[in-house]
Protein backbone atom coordinates (compact mmCIF):
# COMPACT_ATOMS: atom_id res chain seq x y z
CA MET A 1 -0.70 7.36 36.02
CA ASN A 2 -1.87 3.89 37.02
CA LYS A 3 -2.30 1.38 34.23
CA PRO A 4 -5.87 0.10 33.75
CA ALA A 5 -6.60 -3.46 34.82
CA SER A 6 -6.07 -6.11 32.17
CA LEU A 7 -9.42 -7.00 30.62
CA VAL A 8 -10.26 -10.43 29.21
CA TRP A 9 -13.21 -11.04 26.91
CA LEU A 10 -15.36 -14.08 27.71
CA PRO A 11 -18.18 -15.10 25.33
CA ALA A 12 -21.67 -15.62 26.71
CA ASP A 13 -23.83 -18.66 26.05
CA HIS A 14 -27.27 -18.13 24.53
CA ARG A 15 -29.90 -20.13 26.42
CA LEU A 16 -33.65 -20.30 26.80
CA LEU A 17 -34.41 -20.51 30.53
CA GLY A 18 -37.73 -21.26 32.14
CA ASN A 19 -40.17 -24.13 31.84
CA ALA A 20 -41.27 -25.95 28.70
CA ASP A 21 -44.23 -23.64 28.12
CA ASN A 22 -42.69 -20.32 29.09
CA THR A 23 -39.06 -19.54 28.26
CA MET A 24 -37.02 -16.39 27.89
CA PRO A 25 -33.62 -15.87 26.23
CA PHE A 26 -30.65 -15.32 28.56
CA LEU A 27 -26.96 -14.61 28.07
CA VAL A 28 -25.08 -16.85 30.50
CA LEU A 29 -21.54 -16.99 31.89
CA GLY A 30 -20.43 -19.56 34.45
CA ASP A 31 -19.16 -18.01 37.67
CA LYS A 32 -16.24 -20.45 37.87
CA TYR A 33 -14.70 -19.12 34.66
CA ALA A 34 -14.89 -15.47 35.67
CA ARG A 35 -13.71 -16.27 39.20
CA ALA A 36 -10.66 -18.22 38.02
CA LEU A 37 -9.64 -15.24 35.89
CA LYS A 38 -10.23 -12.72 38.66
CA VAL A 39 -8.68 -14.68 41.54
CA ASN A 40 -6.00 -16.81 39.93
CA ALA A 41 -4.92 -14.74 36.92
CA GLN A 42 -5.61 -11.30 38.46
CA LEU A 43 -7.53 -10.29 35.36
CA GLN A 44 -10.87 -8.53 34.95
CA PRO A 45 -13.39 -10.61 32.97
CA VAL A 46 -15.66 -8.65 30.65
CA LEU A 47 -18.66 -9.47 28.47
CA PHE A 48 -19.81 -7.82 25.27
CA PRO A 49 -23.47 -8.89 25.16
CA LEU A 50 -24.80 -9.41 21.65
CA ALA A 51 -21.43 -8.60 20.09
CA GLU A 52 -21.40 -9.27 16.35
CA ALA A 53 -18.62 -10.75 14.28
CA ALA A 54 -18.21 -7.46 12.43
CA GLN A 55 -17.34 -5.76 15.73
CA ILE A 56 -14.62 -8.18 16.79
CA ASP A 57 -11.58 -6.15 15.78
CA ALA A 58 -12.86 -2.97 17.43
CA LEU A 59 -13.69 -4.83 20.64
CA LEU A 60 -10.33 -6.61 20.69
CA ASP A 61 -8.69 -3.20 20.80
CA LEU A 62 -10.23 -2.79 24.27
CA VAL A 63 -9.02 -6.04 25.85
CA ASP A 64 -5.79 -7.83 26.65
CA GLY A 65 -6.90 -11.41 26.07
CA VAL A 66 -9.72 -13.80 25.25
CA MET A 67 -10.81 -16.89 27.15
CA LEU A 68 -13.23 -19.24 25.41
CA THR A 69 -15.19 -21.06 28.09
CA GLY A 70 -16.77 -24.46 28.29
CA SER A 71 -20.51 -24.83 27.83
CA PRO A 72 -23.28 -27.45 27.87
CA SER A 73 -23.70 -26.77 24.14
CA ASN A 74 -21.67 -28.28 21.32
CA VAL A 75 -20.13 -26.64 18.26
CA HIS A 76 -22.55 -27.16 15.38
CA PRO A 77 -21.23 -29.94 13.10
CA SER A 78 -22.00 -27.90 9.98
CA HIS A 79 -18.85 -25.90 10.76
CA PHE A 80 -16.73 -28.96 10.06
CA GLY A 81 -18.79 -30.42 7.24
CA ALA A 82 -20.87 -32.95 9.18
CA ASP A 83 -24.52 -33.54 10.01
CA VAL A 84 -25.93 -33.53 13.53
CA THR A 85 -25.84 -37.12 14.77
CA ASP A 86 -27.74 -36.57 18.03
CA PRO A 87 -30.44 -33.87 17.85
CA CYS A 88 -30.99 -34.16 21.60
CA LEU A 89 -27.64 -32.53 22.36
CA PRO A 90 -27.71 -28.75 22.88
CA LEU A 91 -26.29 -26.38 20.27
CA ASP A 92 -25.57 -22.64 20.32
CA PRO A 93 -25.28 -21.37 16.74
CA GLU A 94 -25.21 -17.71 17.86
CA ARG A 95 -22.12 -18.36 19.94
CA ASP A 96 -20.52 -20.27 17.04
CA VAL A 97 -20.86 -17.29 14.70
CA LEU A 98 -19.00 -15.05 17.15
CA THR A 99 -16.36 -17.35 18.61
CA LEU A 100 -15.14 -18.98 15.40
CA ALA A 101 -14.44 -15.56 13.92
CA LEU A 102 -12.99 -14.39 17.25
CA VAL A 103 -10.46 -17.23 17.27
CA ARG A 104 -9.17 -16.32 13.84
CA SER A 105 -8.78 -12.66 14.80
CA CYS A 106 -6.92 -13.52 18.02
CA VAL A 107 -4.47 -15.78 16.19
CA GLN A 108 -3.95 -13.25 13.40
CA ARG A 109 -3.37 -10.39 15.85
CA SER A 110 -1.35 -12.35 18.44
CA ILE A 111 -3.80 -11.68 21.26
CA PRO A 112 -3.48 -14.01 24.29
CA LEU A 113 -5.97 -16.84 23.89
CA LEU A 114 -7.02 -19.60 26.28
CA GLY A 115 -9.58 -22.23 25.26
CA ILE A 116 -11.35 -24.53 27.71
CA CYS A 117 -13.48 -27.55 26.69
CA ARG A 118 -15.92 -26.05 24.16
CA GLY A 119 -13.39 -23.27 23.66
CA PHE A 120 -10.74 -25.89 22.88
CA GLN A 121 -13.04 -27.37 20.24
CA GLU A 122 -13.94 -23.92 18.87
CA ILE A 123 -10.29 -23.10 18.23
CA ASN A 124 -9.76 -26.35 16.36
CA VAL A 125 -12.87 -25.90 14.21
CA ALA A 126 -12.19 -22.20 13.55
CA LEU A 127 -8.78 -23.06 12.14
CA GLY A 128 -10.05 -25.86 9.91
CA GLY A 129 -10.12 -28.95 12.12
CA SER A 130 -12.98 -31.36 12.80
CA LEU A 131 -14.58 -33.07 15.79
CA HIS A 132 -15.90 -36.45 16.80
CA GLN A 133 -19.45 -35.89 18.00
CA GLN A 134 -19.59 -38.90 20.33
CA VAL A 135 -16.14 -39.95 21.46
CA GLN A 136 -17.63 -42.67 23.67
CA ASP A 137 -18.85 -44.53 20.56
CA LEU A 138 -15.40 -44.79 19.00
CA PRO A 139 -13.69 -48.20 19.26
CA GLY A 140 -10.87 -48.16 21.79
CA HIS A 141 -11.84 -44.81 23.29
CA LEU A 142 -12.81 -43.88 26.81
CA ASP A 143 -16.16 -42.41 27.77
CA HIS A 144 -15.06 -38.85 28.48
CA ARG A 145 -18.44 -37.69 29.75
CA HIS A 146 -19.05 -36.87 33.41
CA ALA A 147 -21.18 -38.96 35.74
CA GLN A 148 -24.75 -37.68 35.46
CA GLY A 149 -26.55 -37.14 38.75
CA GLN A 150 -23.37 -37.12 40.83
CA SER A 151 -22.18 -34.21 42.94
CA TYR A 152 -20.02 -31.58 41.26
CA ASP A 153 -17.08 -32.77 43.34
CA VAL A 154 -17.43 -36.15 41.66
CA GLN A 155 -18.15 -34.75 38.19
CA TYR A 156 -15.11 -32.47 38.29
CA GLY A 157 -12.88 -34.94 40.10
CA PRO A 158 -9.80 -36.54 38.48
CA ALA A 159 -10.95 -38.79 35.63
CA HIS A 160 -7.87 -39.83 33.67
CA ALA A 161 -4.24 -39.01 33.03
CA VAL A 162 -2.90 -36.73 30.31
CA ARG A 163 0.62 -37.26 28.99
CA PHE A 164 2.40 -34.12 27.83
CA VAL A 165 5.10 -33.66 25.24
CA PRO A 166 8.46 -33.35 27.05
CA GLY A 167 9.61 -29.74 27.18
CA SER A 168 6.14 -28.36 26.44
CA ALA A 169 4.62 -25.53 28.43
CA PHE A 170 2.11 -27.96 29.94
CA ALA A 171 4.85 -30.26 31.21
CA ALA A 172 6.45 -27.21 32.83
CA TRP A 173 3.17 -26.03 34.40
CA ALA A 174 2.37 -29.52 35.68
CA GLY A 175 5.92 -30.10 36.89
CA ALA A 176 5.74 -33.53 35.23
CA GLU A 177 5.02 -35.18 31.91
CA VAL A 178 1.81 -36.78 33.24
CA ALA A 179 -1.04 -35.16 35.18
CA GLN A 180 -4.53 -36.20 36.28
CA VAL A 181 -7.39 -34.10 34.91
CA ASN A 182 -11.18 -34.03 35.00
CA SER A 183 -13.29 -34.98 31.98
CA LEU A 184 -16.74 -33.61 31.08
CA HIS A 185 -17.11 -33.73 27.31
CA GLY A 186 -18.78 -35.80 24.61
CA GLN A 187 -17.19 -34.22 21.54
CA GLY A 188 -13.46 -34.44 20.93
CA ILE A 189 -10.88 -33.67 18.29
CA ASP A 190 -10.97 -35.78 15.15
CA ARG A 191 -8.70 -33.90 12.73
CA LEU A 192 -6.37 -31.38 14.34
CA ALA A 193 -6.30 -28.09 12.44
CA HIS A 194 -3.23 -27.09 10.49
CA GLY A 195 -1.19 -24.71 12.63
CA LEU A 196 -2.05 -26.44 15.91
CA ARG A 197 0.36 -28.76 17.72
CA ALA A 198 -0.95 -31.45 20.03
CA VAL A 199 1.01 -31.39 23.28
CA GLY A 200 -1.18 -33.55 25.54
CA HIS A 201 -3.05 -36.83 25.01
CA ALA A 202 -5.44 -39.00 27.02
CA PRO A 203 -4.66 -42.72 27.44
CA ASP A 204 -6.92 -43.50 24.44
CA GLY A 205 -4.93 -41.12 22.23
CA LEU A 206 -7.48 -38.30 22.20
CA VAL A 207 -5.90 -34.84 22.01
CA GLU A 208 -6.36 -33.07 25.35
CA ALA A 209 -4.09 -30.03 24.96
CA PHE A 210 -2.67 -28.07 22.05
CA GLU A 211 -0.76 -24.91 21.24
CA VAL A 212 -0.87 -22.55 18.27
CA GLU A 213 2.40 -23.16 16.47
CA GLY A 214 4.63 -20.12 16.16
CA ALA A 215 2.42 -17.98 18.39
CA ARG A 216 4.14 -14.87 19.73
CA THR A 217 2.04 -14.92 22.89
CA PHE A 218 -0.01 -17.31 25.05
CA ALA A 219 -2.14 -19.42 22.67
CA TYR A 220 -3.12 -22.70 24.34
CA ALA A 221 -6.24 -24.77 24.87
CA VAL A 222 -7.29 -27.73 26.99
CA GLN A 223 -10.13 -30.24 26.80
CA TRP A 224 -10.53 -30.45 30.57
CA HIS A 225 -11.67 -27.80 33.10
CA PRO A 226 -8.78 -26.06 34.91
CA GLU A 227 -11.19 -23.35 36.13
CA TRP A 228 -12.66 -25.81 38.63
CA ARG A 229 -11.28 -24.96 42.10
CA THR A 230 -8.17 -23.60 40.47
CA SER A 231 -6.66 -22.37 43.73
CA GLU A 232 -6.57 -25.95 45.05
CA ASN A 233 -4.61 -27.30 42.08
CA ALA A 234 -1.06 -26.08 41.47
CA PHE A 235 -1.11 -27.24 37.85
CA TYR A 236 -4.36 -25.45 37.05
CA SER A 237 -3.14 -22.34 38.85
CA ALA A 238 0.04 -22.34 36.77
CA ILE A 239 -1.99 -22.26 33.54
CA PHE A 240 -3.97 -19.23 34.71
CA ASN A 241 -0.86 -17.51 36.08
CA ALA A 242 0.83 -17.83 32.68
CA PHE A 243 -2.26 -16.54 30.89
CA GLY A 244 -2.42 -13.60 33.31
CA ALA A 245 1.21 -12.73 32.68
CA ALA A 246 0.64 -12.74 28.91
CA CYS A 247 -2.42 -10.48 29.22
CA ARG A 248 -0.57 -8.02 31.45
CA ALA A 249 2.27 -7.90 28.94
CA ARG A 250 -0.23 -6.98 26.21
CA ASN A 251 -1.81 -4.42 28.51
CA LEU A 252 1.56 -2.75 28.98
CA GLN A 253 2.05 -2.51 25.23
CA ARG A 254 -1.54 -1.47 24.53
CA THR A 255 -1.70 1.35 27.07
CA VAL A 256 1.79 2.81 26.86
CA VAL A 257 1.78 6.48 25.93
CA PRO A 258 4.34 7.43 23.22
CA GLY A 259 7.22 9.37 24.72
CA GLN A 260 6.61 8.04 28.25
CA VAL A 261 8.52 5.27 29.97
């Protein structure tokens, strides 16, 4: 009997689309995230539209991993004890309710977890960390936002270096202790959550990659966007290949029939 394909849960963004006078709610997933999973990790992305936090454990029984995507929206500052400093920036409180609980369940149950940009920030907040809301306003820090109005090739082009901890998984995937990455975020890590280990930093000291300490499976997150043209970047491909391997290993355990080899 053939094993079922490894399924990975991606959260959807909640957005109002249309014009100012006539909008409709949509659940949105960026193609680049699903495509990177399908093509580079050989995994099947799945959505659970309108999933509720109370359903998380039952839905996790159906999948082999979770990837928390980036998004135009920010994590609401109330989740780390702060007020909104810029009301013009988009928020997605419905996604927050689901993903923050989802992170905790994945860590508790040792389910492969990959966080990207907003997903990176969600993991930190879910486990008790906090965020800077405008990194560009901090003394001595870079402006990590992308160039507005430029082509996507420019926006997602190399922006700065990240230095990795020697011997870390990221140093192995990059084949070096320093790699160039893109940068498209305004928020960034302030206080790293207990249980997370920073393994990559930008030149200004901002945390750009971390791992869940003591994790028995893949549990990593990055502030940049490795889903962008993954096939053209050996480093980005290596991240997705490792995530794919971890999800397939869970699939093998999850679908094995007792008494069969």
